[in-house]
């Protein structure tokens, strides 16, 4: 793979950009996902659709005299931060640009900027249209803007109520629960700048008043998103131009991560956890998984005995396992 292009001097000096992907970090993330994979009864594998880059934070060098400030409105309280004039672009609400001495920092959602909602896919023409608008109307040449942060998402149709489904999510791998509201949860690993969001897409669209515009279904729709608060650990270089490059690897990598993360969601489960082996280690771990999924008895010994009783072991083997559990119970139930 070619080495990354470095942003030196004027952006016009750059002739090409190639995404350099740090596969090690993605492999590490995927290994963690597989280690903590949740197996839930006979649930069908999730089918995700409308994959797209959503939010992006871009950073680029600029020339002050090239910027068309007539099409921008300065933020009332934040100096050097601007938004679009409403008459310049129909879907102007989620766009902002901040000017440092040498760099412009642009934040916006691609699908919201283009269509006014995010219940859609994006194609090359959409991305090129954004690039051309920035150049013509604002004087910002974003072709080689570095992507510093991004969100990548997709939708899933579910058979149950979206809020009940999200409420049933116990966790994902060993991530921390960072935010939880009615119909929304976000888990994250801050050290890796990696976060996972899942939310009721219908309720979100109604709250943002995009429900009719996006032609959302009445119910049963959730959105899953990967949020990289820094792309550097995963992509040594990622430019806006890469998003519209058909041969760029970034999209396939992000799709795999999103699908793997979705499969690793740990849900409350009304079905008992199945034993994959009958030695004591598997019985104990299955007991932990039952507790995690919310179906275990509050009494540890009783839960483990139920697993042993339904394990298919011979009466003699069941007796040995129960004795081992009782021994552990005596050791860990001592009072000092």
C-alpha atoms as a PDB file:
ATOM      1  CA  UNK A   1       0.000   0.000   0.000  1.00  0.00           C
ATOM      2  CA  UNK A   2       1.306   3.439  -0.803  1.00  0.00           C
ATOM      3  CA  UNK A   3       2.385   5.691   2.002  1.00  0.00           C
ATOM      4  CA  UNK A   4       0.109   8.455   3.190  1.00  0.00           C
ATOM      5  CA  UNK A   5       0.228  11.925   1.686  1.00  0.00           C
ATOM      6  CA  UNK A   6       1.291  14.529   4.208  1.00  0.00           C
ATOM      7  CA  UNK A   7      -0.467  17.885   4.431  1.00  0.00           C
ATOM      8  CA  UNK A   8       2.441  20.236   3.834  1.00  0.00           C
ATOM      9  CA  UNK A   9       2.169  23.709   2.316  1.00  0.00           C
ATOM     10  CA  UNK A  10      -0.835  24.533   0.146  1.00  0.00           C
ATOM     11  CA  UNK A  11      -3.489  21.908  -0.328  1.00  0.00           C
ATOM     12  CA  UNK A  12      -3.256  22.490  -4.055  1.00  0.00           C
ATOM     13  CA  UNK A  13       0.174  20.823  -3.995  1.00  0.00           C
ATOM     14  CA  UNK A  14      -1.420  17.479  -3.138  1.00  0.00           C
ATOM     15  CA  UNK A  15      -2.117  15.355  -6.198  1.00  0.00           C
ATOM     16  CA  UNK A  16      -3.460  12.173  -4.618  1.00  0.00           C
ATOM     17  CA  UNK A  17      -4.493  10.700  -1.276  1.00  0.00           C
ATOM     18  CA  UNK A  18      -4.550   7.110  -0.152  1.00  0.00           C
ATOM     19  CA  UNK A  19      -6.050   5.770   3.030  1.00  0.00           C
ATOM     20  CA  UNK A  20      -3.537   3.920   5.195  1.00  0.00           C
ATOM     21  CA  UNK A  21      -5.378   1.644   7.602  1.00  0.00           C
ATOM     22  CA  UNK A  22      -3.981   0.485  10.914  1.00  0.00           C
ATOM     23  CA  UNK A  23      -5.190  -3.109  10.684  1.00  0.00           C
ATOM     24  CA  UNK A  24      -3.636  -3.987  14.055  1.00  0.00           C
ATOM     25  CA  UNK A  25      -6.105  -1.840  16.004  1.00  0.00           C
ATOM     26  CA  UNK A  26      -9.069  -3.158  14.036  1.00  0.00           C
ATOM     27  CA  UNK A  27      -7.878  -6.770  14.490  1.00  0.00           C
ATOM     28  CA  UNK A  28      -7.509  -6.158  18.220  1.00  0.00           C
ATOM     29  CA  UNK A  29     -11.026  -4.718  18.343  1.00  0.00           C
ATOM     30  CA  UNK A  30     -12.452  -7.639  16.364  1.00  0.00           C
ATOM     31  CA  UNK A  31     -10.706 -10.188  18.597  1.00  0.00           C
ATOM     32  CA  UNK A  32     -12.303  -8.551  21.641  1.00  0.00           C
ATOM     33  CA  UNK A  33     -15.663  -8.637  19.884  1.00  0.00           C
ATOM     34  CA  UNK A  34     -15.414 -12.360  19.120  1.00  0.00           C
ATOM     35  CA  UNK A  35     -14.237 -13.143  22.646  1.00  0.00           C
ATOM     36  CA  UNK A  36     -17.352 -11.581  24.134  1.00  0.00           C
ATOM     37  CA  UNK A  37     -19.790 -12.718  21.427  1.00  0.00           C
ATOM     38  CA  UNK A  38     -23.338 -13.094  22.722  1.00  0.00           C
ATOM     39  CA  UNK A  39     -25.211 -16.271  21.742  1.00  0.00           C
ATOM     40  CA  UNK A  40     -28.945 -15.808  22.185  1.00  0.00           C
ATOM     41  CA  UNK A  41     -31.245 -18.785  21.576  1.00  0.00           C
ATOM     42  CA  UNK A  42     -32.310 -19.092  17.951  1.00  0.00           C
ATOM     43  CA  UNK A  43     -32.249 -15.387  17.124  1.00  0.00           C
ATOM     44  CA  UNK A  44     -31.792 -14.622  13.435  1.00  0.00           C
ATOM     45  CA  UNK A  45     -28.523 -12.871  12.517  1.00  0.00           C
ATOM     46  CA  UNK A  46     -29.060  -9.117  12.213  1.00  0.00           C
ATOM     47  CA  UNK A  47     -29.536  -7.631   8.764  1.00  0.00           C
ATOM     48  CA  UNK A  48     -28.179  -4.108   8.578  1.00  0.00           C
ATOM     49  CA  UNK A  49     -28.882  -1.768   5.668  1.00  0.00           C
ATOM     50  CA  UNK A  50     -28.347   1.837   4.515  1.00  0.00           C
ATOM     51  CA  UNK A  51     -24.688   1.873   5.576  1.00  0.00           C
ATOM     52  CA  UNK A  52     -23.137   5.341   5.457  1.00  0.00           C
ATOM     53  CA  UNK A  53     -20.688   7.795   6.947  1.00  0.00           C
ATOM     54  CA  UNK A  54     -22.751  10.157   9.077  1.00  0.00           C
ATOM     55  CA  UNK A  55     -20.970  12.787  11.180  1.00  0.00           C
ATOM     56  CA  UNK A  56     -17.495  13.964  10.162  1.00  0.00           C
ATOM     57  CA  UNK A  57     -15.008  16.395  11.628  1.00  0.00           C
ATOM     58  CA  UNK A  58     -12.688  17.738   8.929  1.00  0.00           C
ATOM     59  CA  UNK A  59      -9.460  19.692   9.300  1.00  0.00           C
ATOM     60  CA  UNK A  60      -7.811  21.595   6.466  1.00  0.00           C
ATOM     61  CA  UNK A  61      -5.392  24.436   5.779  1.00  0.00           C
ATOM     62  CA  UNK A  62      -7.041  27.535   4.348  1.00  0.00           C
ATOM     63  CA  UNK A  63      -6.328  30.992   2.992  1.00  0.00           C
ATOM     64  CA  UNK A  64      -8.316  33.701   4.783  1.00  0.00           C
ATOM     65  CA  UNK A  65      -8.789  35.698   1.573  1.00  0.00           C
ATOM     66  CA  UNK A  66     -10.350  32.717  -0.210  1.00  0.00           C
ATOM     67  CA  UNK A  67     -13.174  32.325   2.326  1.00  0.00           C
ATOM     68  CA  UNK A  68     -16.577  33.677   1.317  1.00  0.00           C
ATOM     69  CA  UNK A  69     -17.696  35.098   4.663  1.00  0.00           C
ATOM     70  CA  UNK A  70     -20.783  36.595   3.024  1.00  0.00           C
ATOM     71  CA  UNK A  71     -22.341  33.140   3.074  1.00  0.00           C
ATOM     72  CA  UNK A  72     -21.512  32.548   6.744  1.00  0.00           C
ATOM     73  CA  UNK A  73     -22.931  33.831  10.028  1.00  0.00           C
ATOM     74  CA  UNK A  74     -20.665  34.075  13.063  1.00  0.00           C
ATOM     75  CA  UNK A  75     -21.768  32.223  16.162  1.00  0.00           C
ATOM     76  CA  UNK A  76     -23.284  34.605  18.741  1.00  0.00           C
ATOM     77  CA  UNK A  77     -21.002  33.483  21.577  1.00  0.00           C
ATOM     78  CA  UNK A  78     -18.118  31.462  20.069  1.00  0.00           C
ATOM     79  CA  UNK A  79     -15.550  33.640  18.366  1.00  0.00           C
ATOM     80  CA  UNK A  80     -14.324  32.462  14.945  1.00  0.00           C
ATOM     81  CA  UNK A  81     -17.054  29.835  14.655  1.00  0.00           C
ATOM     82  CA  UNK A  82     -19.593  30.182  11.845  1.00  0.00           C
ATOM     83  CA  UNK A  83     -22.739  28.558  10.524  1.00  0.00           C
ATOM     84  CA  UNK A  84     -24.314  28.718   7.067  1.00  0.00           C
ATOM     85  CA  UNK A  85     -26.777  31.391   6.053  1.00  0.00           C
ATOM     86  CA  UNK A  86     -30.166  29.666   5.676  1.00  0.00           C
ATOM     87  CA  UNK A  87     -30.709  31.076   2.193  1.00  0.00           C
ATOM     88  CA  UNK A  88     -27.450  29.506   0.970  1.00  0.00           C
ATOM     89  CA  UNK A  89     -28.349  25.879   1.726  1.00  0.00           C
ATOM     90  CA  UNK A  90     -31.681  24.271   2.563  1.00  0.00           C
ATOM     91  CA  UNK A  91     -30.244  21.799   5.091  1.00  0.00           C
ATOM     92  CA  UNK A  92     -27.964  24.226   6.892  1.00  0.00           C
ATOM     93  CA  UNK A  93     -28.763  23.500  10.536  1.00  0.00           C
ATOM     94  CA  UNK A  94     -26.116  20.980  11.505  1.00  0.00           C
ATOM     95  CA  UNK A  95     -23.106  22.633   9.855  1.00  0.00           C
ATOM     96  CA  UNK A  96     -20.382  24.622  11.624  1.00  0.00           C
ATOM     97  CA  UNK A  97     -16.874  25.770  10.758  1.00  0.00           C
ATOM     98  CA  UNK A  98     -14.246  27.089  13.165  1.00  0.00           C
ATOM     99  CA  UNK A  99     -11.220  29.037  11.957  1.00  0.00           C
ATOM    100  CA  UNK A 100      -7.909  28.871  13.759  1.00  0.00           C
ATOM    101  CA  UNK A 101      -4.976  30.921  12.496  1.00  0.00           C
ATOM    102  CA  UNK A 102      -4.090  28.355   9.828  1.00  0.00           C
ATOM    103  CA  UNK A 103      -6.733  25.630   9.847  1.00  0.00           C
ATOM    104  CA  UNK A 104     -10.464  25.364   9.291  1.00  0.00           C
ATOM    105  CA  UNK A 105     -12.307  22.760  11.379  1.00  0.00           C
ATOM    106  CA  UNK A 106     -15.603  21.692   9.807  1.00  0.00           C
ATOM    107  CA  UNK A 107     -18.256  19.628  11.606  1.00  0.00           C
ATOM    108  CA  UNK A 108     -21.424  18.301   9.991  1.00  0.00           C
ATOM    109  CA  UNK A 109     -23.469  15.206   9.166  1.00  0.00           C
ATOM    110  CA  UNK A 110     -23.154  14.204   5.529  1.00  0.00           C
ATOM    111  CA  UNK A 111     -26.655  12.712   5.084  1.00  0.00           C
ATOM    112  CA  UNK A 112     -28.361  15.509   7.029  1.00  0.00           C
ATOM    113  CA  UNK A 113     -26.446  18.097   5.004  1.00  0.00           C
ATOM    114  CA  UNK A 114     -27.429  16.487   1.696  1.00  0.00           C
ATOM    115  CA  UNK A 115     -30.948  15.191   2.363  1.00  0.00           C
ATOM    116  CA  UNK A 116     -32.056  16.697   5.674  1.00  0.00           C
ATOM    117  CA  UNK A 117     -32.277  13.240   7.307  1.00  0.00           C
ATOM    118  CA  UNK A 118     -30.083  10.142   7.623  1.00  0.00           C
ATOM    119  CA  UNK A 119     -32.448   7.311   6.611  1.00  0.00           C
ATOM    120  CA  UNK A 120     -30.525   6.805   3.376  1.00  0.00           C
ATOM    121  CA  UNK A 121     -27.350   5.675   1.686  1.00  0.00           C
ATOM    122  CA  UNK A 122     -24.824   8.021   0.099  1.00  0.00           C
ATOM    123  CA  UNK A 123     -23.233   7.625  -3.306  1.00  0.00           C
ATOM    124  CA  UNK A 124     -20.229   9.176  -4.991  1.00  0.00           C
ATOM    125  CA  UNK A 125     -22.284  11.958  -6.573  1.00  0.00           C
ATOM    126  CA  UNK A 126     -23.613  13.011  -3.157  1.00  0.00           C
ATOM    127  CA  UNK A 127     -20.091  13.315  -1.767  1.00  0.00           C
ATOM    128  CA  UNK A 128     -18.831  15.200  -4.808  1.00  0.00           C
ATOM    129  CA  UNK A 129     -21.785  17.597  -4.573  1.00  0.00           C
ATOM    130  CA  UNK A 130     -20.789  18.460  -0.987  1.00  0.00           C
ATOM    131  CA  UNK A 131     -17.200  19.029  -2.071  1.00  0.00           C
ATOM    132  CA  UNK A 132     -18.284  21.303  -4.931  1.00  0.00           C
ATOM    133  CA  UNK A 133     -20.627  23.285  -2.678  1.00  0.00           C
ATOM    134  CA  UNK A 134     -17.869  23.925  -0.129  1.00  0.00           C
ATOM    135  CA  UNK A 135     -15.566  25.135  -2.871  1.00  0.00           C
ATOM    136  CA  UNK A 136     -18.043  27.326  -4.744  1.00  0.00           C
ATOM    137  CA  UNK A 137     -20.056  28.821  -1.888  1.00  0.00           C
ATOM    138  CA  UNK A 138     -17.506  28.959   0.949  1.00  0.00           C
ATOM    139  CA  UNK A 139     -14.068  28.911  -0.643  1.00  0.00           C
ATOM    140  CA  UNK A 140     -13.114  25.752   1.260  1.00  0.00           C
ATOM    141  CA  UNK A 141     -11.325  23.077  -0.749  1.00  0.00           C
ATOM    142  CA  UNK A 142     -12.170  19.960   1.263  1.00  0.00           C
ATOM    143  CA  UNK A 143     -10.915  17.344  -1.201  1.00  0.00           C
ATOM    144  CA  UNK A 144      -7.820  16.780   0.912  1.00  0.00           C
ATOM    145  CA  UNK A 145      -9.322  17.691   4.268  1.00  0.00           C
ATOM    146  CA  UNK A 146      -8.229  15.245   6.948  1.00  0.00           C
ATOM    147  CA  UNK A 147     -11.045  13.345   8.633  1.00  0.00           C
ATOM    148  CA  UNK A 148     -10.283  13.649  12.338  1.00  0.00           C
ATOM    149  CA  UNK A 149     -13.512  12.121  13.699  1.00  0.00           C
ATOM    150  CA  UNK A 150     -16.327  10.160  12.132  1.00  0.00           C
ATOM    151  CA  UNK A 151     -19.493   8.208  12.768  1.00  0.00           C
ATOM    152  CA  UNK A 152     -20.428   5.241  10.605  1.00  0.00           C
ATOM    153  CA  UNK A 153     -23.878   3.714  10.881  1.00  0.00           C
ATOM    154  CA  UNK A 154     -26.579   1.464   9.480  1.00  0.00           C
ATOM    155  CA  UNK A 155     -30.194   0.567  10.210  1.00  0.00           C
ATOM    156  CA  UNK A 156     -31.918  -2.584  11.402  1.00  0.00           C
ATOM    157  CA  UNK A 157     -35.575  -3.553  11.262  1.00  0.00           C
ATOM    158  CA  UNK A 158     -36.710  -5.365  14.405  1.00  0.00           C
ATOM    159  CA  UNK A 159     -39.916  -7.220  15.288  1.00  0.00           C
ATOM    160  CA  UNK A 160     -40.256  -5.733  18.771  1.00  0.00           C
ATOM    161  CA  UNK A 161     -40.729  -2.239  20.161  1.00  0.00           C
ATOM    162  CA  UNK A 162     -37.510  -0.278  19.640  1.00  0.00           C
ATOM    163  CA  UNK A 163     -37.410   1.169  23.144  1.00  0.00           C
ATOM    164  CA  UNK A 164     -37.986  -2.259  24.706  1.00  0.00           C
ATOM    165  CA  UNK A 165     -35.229  -3.698  22.538  1.00  0.00           C
ATOM    166  CA  UNK A 166     -32.747  -0.993  23.546  1.00  0.00           C
ATOM    167  CA  UNK A 167     -33.751  -1.356  27.186  1.00  0.00           C
ATOM    168  CA  UNK A 168     -32.954  -5.081  26.936  1.00  0.00           C
ATOM    169  CA  UNK A 169     -29.331  -4.405  25.921  1.00  0.00           C
ATOM    170  CA  UNK A 170     -27.127  -5.304  28.874  1.00  0.00           C
ATOM    171  CA  UNK A 171     -23.798  -4.341  27.336  1.00  0.00           C
ATOM    172  CA  UNK A 172     -21.243  -4.898  24.617  1.00  0.00           C
ATOM    173  CA  UNK A 173     -17.944  -6.631  25.313  1.00  0.00           C
ATOM    174  CA  UNK A 174     -16.273  -4.973  28.319  1.00  0.00           C
ATOM    175  CA  UNK A 175     -17.159  -1.429  27.279  1.00  0.00           C
ATOM    176  CA  UNK A 176     -18.456   1.092  29.753  1.00  0.00           C
ATOM    177  CA  UNK A 177     -22.020   2.315  29.527  1.00  0.00           C
ATOM    178  CA  UNK A 178     -21.443   5.994  28.751  1.00  0.00           C
ATOM    179  CA  UNK A 179     -24.987   7.232  28.236  1.00  0.00           C
ATOM    180  CA  UNK A 180     -28.450   5.755  28.579  1.00  0.00           C
ATOM    181  CA  UNK A 181     -31.773   7.463  27.985  1.00  0.00           C
ATOM    182  CA  UNK A 182     -35.190   6.272  26.878  1.00  0.00           C
ATOM    183  CA  UNK A 183     -34.517   4.725  23.477  1.00  0.00           C
ATOM    184  CA  UNK A 184     -30.761   5.404  23.385  1.00  0.00           C
ATOM    185  CA  UNK A 185     -27.588   3.745  24.688  1.00  0.00           C
ATOM    186  CA  UNK A 186     -23.916   4.408  24.086  1.00  0.00           C
ATOM    187  CA  UNK A 187     -21.053   2.187  25.184  1.00  0.00           C
ATOM    188  CA  UNK A 188     -17.402   3.025  24.787  1.00  0.00           C
ATOM    189  CA  UNK A 189     -13.730   2.325  25.189  1.00  0.00           C
ATOM    190  CA  UNK A 190     -12.215   5.773  25.632  1.00  0.00           C
ATOM    191  CA  UNK A 191      -8.634   4.508  25.492  1.00  0.00           C
ATOM    192  CA  UNK A 192      -9.286   3.324  21.955  1.00  0.00           C
ATOM    193  CA  UNK A 193     -11.448   6.317  20.973  1.00  0.00           C
ATOM    194  CA  UNK A 194     -14.114   3.777  20.033  1.00  0.00           C
ATOM    195  CA  UNK A 195     -17.797   4.132  20.900  1.00  0.00           C
ATOM    196  CA  UNK A 196     -20.952   2.281  19.917  1.00  0.00           C
ATOM    197  CA  UNK A 197     -24.391   3.879  19.760  1.00  0.00           C
ATOM    198  CA  UNK A 198     -27.788   2.278  19.285  1.00  0.00           C
ATOM    199  CA  UNK A 199     -31.046   4.225  19.293  1.00  0.00           C
ATOM    200  CA  UNK A 200     -34.702   4.301  18.331  1.00  0.00           C
ATOM    201  CA  UNK A 201     -34.478   5.769  14.828  1.00  0.00           C
ATOM    202  CA  UNK A 202     -38.188   6.582  14.559  1.00  0.00           C
ATOM    203  CA  UNK A 203     -38.298   8.499  17.844  1.00  0.00           C
ATOM    204  CA  UNK A 204     -35.084  10.304  16.901  1.00  0.00           C
ATOM    205  CA  UNK A 205     -36.522  11.342  13.517  1.00  0.00           C
ATOM    206  CA  UNK A 206     -39.710  12.635  15.126  1.00  0.00           C
ATOM    207  CA  UNK A 207     -37.716  14.617  17.698  1.00  0.00           C
ATOM    208  CA  UNK A 208     -35.620  16.193  14.931  1.00  0.00           C
ATOM    209  CA  UNK A 209     -38.721  16.729  12.770  1.00  0.00           C
ATOM    210  CA  UNK A 210     -37.281  14.688   9.891  1.00  0.00           C
ATOM    211  CA  UNK A 211     -39.764  11.796  10.109  1.00  0.00           C
ATOM    212  CA  UNK A 212     -41.881  12.781   7.088  1.00  0.00           C
ATOM    213  CA  UNK A 213     -38.960  14.004   4.991  1.00  0.00           C
ATOM    214  CA  UNK A 214     -37.071  10.739   5.491  1.00  0.00           C
ATOM    215  CA  UNK A 215     -40.164   8.550   4.970  1.00  0.00           C
ATOM    216  CA  UNK A 216     -39.373   6.540   8.099  1.00  0.00           C
ATOM    217  CA  UNK A 217     -41.499   3.510   9.057  1.00  0.00           C
ATOM    218  CA  UNK A 218     -43.966   3.894  11.913  1.00  0.00           C
ATOM    219  CA  UNK A 219     -42.047   1.596  14.273  1.00  0.00           C
ATOM    220  CA  UNK A 220     -39.480  -1.191  14.593  1.00  0.00           C
ATOM    221  CA  UNK A 221     -36.410   0.662  13.324  1.00  0.00           C
ATOM    222  CA  UNK A 222     -33.122   1.131  15.199  1.00  0.00           C
ATOM    223  CA  UNK A 223     -29.825   2.609  14.146  1.00  0.00           C
ATOM    224  CA  UNK A 224     -26.385   1.284  15.068  1.00  0.00           C
ATOM    225  CA  UNK A 225     -23.342   3.550  14.861  1.00  0.00           C
ATOM    226  CA  UNK A 226     -19.605   3.335  15.390  1.00  0.00           C
ATOM    227  CA  UNK A 227     -18.165   6.601  16.666  1.00  0.00           C
ATOM    228  CA  UNK A 228     -14.410   7.161  16.318  1.00  0.00           C
ATOM    229  CA  UNK A 229     -13.501  10.226  18.359  1.00  0.00           C
ATOM    230  CA  UNK A 230     -10.055   9.995  16.764  1.00  0.00           C
ATOM    231  CA  UNK A 231      -9.434   8.243  13.461  1.00  0.00           C
ATOM    232  CA  UNK A 232      -5.665   8.180  13.991  1.00  0.00           C
ATOM    233  CA  UNK A 233      -5.511   4.806  15.816  1.00  0.00           C
ATOM    234  CA  UNK A 234      -7.356   3.171  12.918  1.00  0.00           C
ATOM    235  CA  UNK A 235      -6.359   5.132   9.808  1.00  0.00           C
ATOM    236  CA  UNK A 236      -2.904   6.687   9.524  1.00  0.00           C
ATOM    237  CA  UNK A 237      -4.435   9.045   6.979  1.00  0.00           C
ATOM    238  CA  UNK A 238      -8.027   9.456   5.864  1.00  0.00           C
ATOM    239  CA  UNK A 239      -9.089  12.334   3.610  1.00  0.00           C
ATOM    240  CA  UNK A 240     -12.489  13.504   2.450  1.00  0.00           C
ATOM    241  CA  UNK A 241     -11.587  12.445  -1.079  1.00  0.00           C
ATOM    242  CA  UNK A 242     -11.217   8.835   0.131  1.00  0.00           C
ATOM    243  CA  UNK A 243     -14.922   8.696   0.953  1.00  0.00           C
ATOM    244  CA  UNK A 244     -15.838   8.856  -2.738  1.00  0.00           C
ATOM    245  CA  UNK A 245     -13.018   6.563  -3.888  1.00  0.00           C
ATOM    246  CA  UNK A 246     -14.531   3.211  -4.993  1.00  0.00           C
ATOM    247  CA  UNK A 247     -11.346   1.248  -4.257  1.00  0.00           C
ATOM    248  CA  UNK A 248     -10.713   2.709  -0.801  1.00  0.00           C
ATOM    249  CA  UNK A 249     -10.597   0.088   1.963  1.00  0.00           C
ATOM    250  CA  UNK A 250     -12.099   2.271   4.660  1.00  0.00           C
ATOM    251  CA  UNK A 251     -15.752   1.388   3.993  1.00  0.00           C
ATOM    252  CA  UNK A 252     -15.272  -2.386   4.070  1.00  0.00           C
ATOM    253  CA  UNK A 253     -13.296  -2.124   7.301  1.00  0.00           C
ATOM    254  CA  UNK A 254     -15.955   0.001   9.004  1.00  0.00           C
ATOM    255  CA  UNK A 255     -18.791  -2.238   7.807  1.00  0.00           C
ATOM    256  CA  UNK A 256     -17.098  -5.304   9.290  1.00  0.00           C
ATOM    257  CA  UNK A 257     -16.554  -3.508  12.593  1.00  0.00           C
ATOM    258  CA  UNK A 258     -20.149  -2.334  12.747  1.00  0.00           C
ATOM    259  CA  UNK A 259     -21.553  -5.792  11.967  1.00  0.00           C
ATOM    260  CA  UNK A 260     -19.218  -7.479  14.459  1.00  0.00           C
ATOM    261  CA  UNK A 261     -20.094  -4.970  17.160  1.00  0.00           C
ATOM    262  CA  UNK A 262     -23.813  -5.424  16.514  1.00  0.00           C
ATOM    263  CA  UNK A 263     -23.450  -9.200  16.869  1.00  0.00           C
ATOM    264  CA  UNK A 264     -21.611  -8.765  20.150  1.00  0.00           C
ATOM    265  CA  UNK A 265     -24.442  -6.878  21.872  1.00  0.00           C
ATOM    266  CA  UNK A 266     -25.403  -8.674  25.073  1.00  0.00           C
ATOM    267  CA  UNK A 267     -29.174  -8.855  25.493  1.00  0.00           C
ATOM    268  CA  UNK A 268     -31.414  -9.919  28.310  1.00  0.00           C
ATOM    269  CA  UNK A 269     -32.598 -13.371  27.419  1.00  0.00           C
ATOM    270  CA  UNK A 270     -35.580 -15.366  28.668  1.00  0.00           C
ATOM    271  CA  UNK A 271     -34.034 -18.642  27.446  1.00  0.00           C
ATOM    272  CA  UNK A 272     -31.545 -20.628  29.543  1.00  0.00           C
ATOM    273  CA  UNK A 273     -27.900 -20.487  28.486  1.00  0.00           C
ATOM    274  CA  UNK A 274     -26.826 -23.699  26.770  1.00  0.00           C
ATOM    275  CA  UNK A 275     -23.816 -25.633  28.015  1.00  0.00           C
ATOM    276  CA  UNK A 276     -21.108 -26.254  25.404  1.00  0.00           C
ATOM    277  CA  UNK A 277     -19.276 -28.686  27.656  1.00  0.00           C
ATOM    278  CA  UNK A 278     -20.060 -30.254  31.005  1.00  0.00           C
ATOM    279  CA  UNK A 279     -16.856 -29.723  32.960  1.00  0.00           C
ATOM    280  CA  UNK A 280     -16.947 -27.443  35.988  1.00  0.00           C
ATOM    281  CA  UNK A 281     -15.383 -24.501  34.162  1.00  0.00           C
ATOM    282  CA  UNK A 282     -18.142 -24.431  31.537  1.00  0.00           C
ATOM    283  CA  UNK A 283     -20.856 -24.825  34.157  1.00  0.00           C
ATOM    284  CA  UNK A 284     -19.490 -21.863  36.127  1.00  0.00           C
ATOM    285  CA  UNK A 285     -19.133 -19.669  33.050  1.00  0.00           C
ATOM    286  CA  UNK A 286     -22.608 -20.567  31.807  1.00  0.00           C
ATOM    287  CA  UNK A 287     -23.872 -19.532  35.236  1.00  0.00           C
ATOM    288  CA  UNK A 288     -22.178 -16.158  34.823  1.00  0.00           C
ATOM    289  CA  UNK A 289     -23.751 -15.731  31.369  1.00  0.00           C
ATOM    290  CA  UNK A 290     -27.183 -16.520  32.822  1.00  0.00           C
ATOM    291  CA  UNK A 291     -26.669 -13.873  35.483  1.00  0.00           C
ATOM    292  CA  UNK A 292     -25.536 -11.405  32.818  1.00  0.00           C
ATOM    293  CA  UNK A 293     -28.602 -12.069  30.656  1.00  0.00           C
ATOM    294  CA  UNK A 294     -30.953 -11.570  33.596  1.00  0.00           C
ATOM    295  CA  UNK A 295     -32.443 -15.069  33.831  1.00  0.00           C
ATOM    296  CA  UNK A 296     -30.379 -16.530  36.663  1.00  0.00           C
ATOM    297  CA  UNK A 297     -31.793 -17.178  40.114  1.00  0.00           C
ATOM    298  CA  UNK A 298     -30.524 -14.839  42.821  1.00  0.00           C
ATOM    299  CA  UNK A 299     -29.215 -17.967  44.521  1.00  0.00           C
ATOM    300  CA  UNK A 300     -25.938 -18.935  42.825  1.00  0.00           C
ATOM    301  CA  UNK A 301     -25.992 -22.569  43.926  1.00  0.00           C
ATOM    302  CA  UNK A 302     -29.584 -23.045  42.780  1.00  0.00           C
ATOM    303  CA  UNK A 303     -28.821 -21.603  39.343  1.00  0.00           C
ATOM    304  CA  UNK A 304     -25.786 -23.831  38.884  1.00  0.00           C
ATOM    305  CA  UNK A 305     -27.655 -26.886  40.100  1.00  0.00           C
ATOM    306  CA  UNK A 306     -30.358 -26.193  37.501  1.00  0.00           C
ATOM    307  CA  UNK A 307     -27.704 -26.101  34.791  1.00  0.00           C
ATOM    308  CA  UNK A 308     -26.263 -29.379  36.028  1.00  0.00           C
ATOM    309  CA  UNK A 309     -29.702 -31.025  36.211  1.00  0.00           C
ATOM    310  CA  UNK A 310     -30.416 -30.187  32.548  1.00  0.00           C
ATOM    311  CA  UNK A 311     -26.902 -30.984  31.293  1.00  0.00           C
ATOM    312  CA  UNK A 312     -27.375 -34.582  30.153  1.00  0.00           C
ATOM    313  CA  UNK A 313     -24.730 -35.850  32.584  1.00  0.00           C
ATOM    314  CA  UNK A 314     -25.101 -39.227  34.283  1.00  0.00           C
ATOM    315  CA  UNK A 315     -26.418 -39.228  37.881  1.00  0.00           C
ATOM    316  CA  UNK A 316     -22.892 -39.952  39.126  1.00  0.00           C
ATOM    317  CA  UNK A 317     -21.406 -37.054  37.143  1.00  0.00           C
ATOM    318  CA  UNK A 318     -24.148 -34.693  38.329  1.00  0.00           C
ATOM    319  CA  UNK A 319     -23.415 -35.661  41.922  1.00  0.00           C
ATOM    320  CA  UNK A 320     -19.697 -34.906  41.468  1.00  0.00           C
ATOM    321  CA  UNK A 321     -20.442 -31.478  39.943  1.00  0.00           C
ATOM    322  CA  UNK A 322     -22.866 -30.615  42.771  1.00  0.00           C
ATOM    323  CA  UNK A 323     -20.288 -31.616  45.374  1.00  0.00           C
ATOM    324  CA  UNK A 324     -17.699 -29.370  43.677  1.00  0.00           C
ATOM    325  CA  UNK A 325     -20.183 -26.468  43.669  1.00  0.00           C
ATOM    326  CA  UNK A 326     -21.011 -27.032  47.346  1.00  0.00           C
ATOM    327  CA  UNK A 327     -17.307 -27.024  48.179  1.00  0.00           C
ATOM    328  CA  UNK A 328     -16.847 -23.703  46.427  1.00  0.00           C
ATOM    329  CA  UNK A 329     -19.939 -22.351  48.164  1.00  0.00           C
ATOM    330  CA  UNK A 330     -18.522 -23.309  51.566  1.00  0.00           C
ATOM    331  CA  UNK A 331     -15.194 -21.672  50.757  1.00  0.00           C
ATOM    332  CA  UNK A 332     -16.653 -18.415  49.431  1.00  0.00           C
ATOM    333  CA  UNK A 333     -19.524 -18.180  51.910  1.00  0.00           C
ATOM    334  CA  UNK A 334     -17.352 -18.010  55.001  1.00  0.00           C
ATOM    335  CA  UNK A 335     -17.838 -15.115  57.361  1.00  0.00           C
ATOM    336  CA  UNK A 336     -14.771 -13.443  58.842  1.00  0.00           C
END
